[in-house]
Amino acid sequence: MISWMQKNNKFLIVTIWIATISFIFTGATYGFKYGIKSSSIGEVGDIELSREKFQMEYRNLYNRYNQAFQGKFDEEQAKGMHLQEQVLNSMAVQAMILNLAKDFGIVVSDKEVAQNLASIPSFQKDGIFNKGIYSNFLKNSGLSAKIFEENIKNDLTIQKTFSLMNLKGIEEEYKSFEIAFETADKLKYITLSANDMNVSIDEVKLKEFWEARKEQFQTAKQYSFDMVWVDTKDVNVTDKE
């Protein structure tokens, strides 16, 4: 992990996107720009937020709420719960992660999308992908295959991006962490009291010590002076003086 992060320091940005997700309902649209094309509601970074995807996400979220409310959920309640804002925030967060994936160079191939699509049980008959069922689903949902499959591709891209966080460090990296945290200095000390100190004064040696260093103990030179103030009006000064 350490060596990987040294080579890919943008990995640290992942934590920013994780933090952003936790605020998905409160201000995730930072950096969002409204679109001017009829097919777009805006963009985040290099990622365009399509109007068709917004409608699909809104319909899915509305249906989940309606199911939770046992079929008694309506547009008035959706407006009160700011359902559109929830969808917009969710799309903005996804777009942020997709921008990050683009910086990392993370890609999902058409083959991966096809395999994922074929694995969805709702589109299978006798355990095999059925194109007719898939086409009917798109028709009944009012979706284009392009938008639906692009949504799958984005989901797979996001999964790949988050999978970067699950990389395991090599044994040497774990050991380097252990050494750093386990390194310590061992100290041993004792407490001494006045009774433990045996000090004797040798006057001869003390004088020898002072004689050799007496210059260091001399007081700095000091000067004193007296001042006498004389009123100049009482003094006569000649030109010669």
Foldseek 3Di string as FASTA:
>chain_A
DVVVCVVVVLLVCVVVLVVLVVCLLPPLCVQWAQDDDPQFRTAHDPGTHGPQVLVVQLVVVQVVVCVVVVNPDDVVVCVVVVSSSSSVSVVSSLRVLVVSLVVVVQFDDPVNLVVVVQCPPQQDDPSGGDVVSVVVVCVVSVHDPVSVSVVSRSVVSSVVSVCVVVDDDDPVVVVVVVCVVPDDDDDDDDDDDPVNDDDDDDPVVVVVVCVVPVVVVDDDDDDDDDDDDDDCVPDDDDPVD
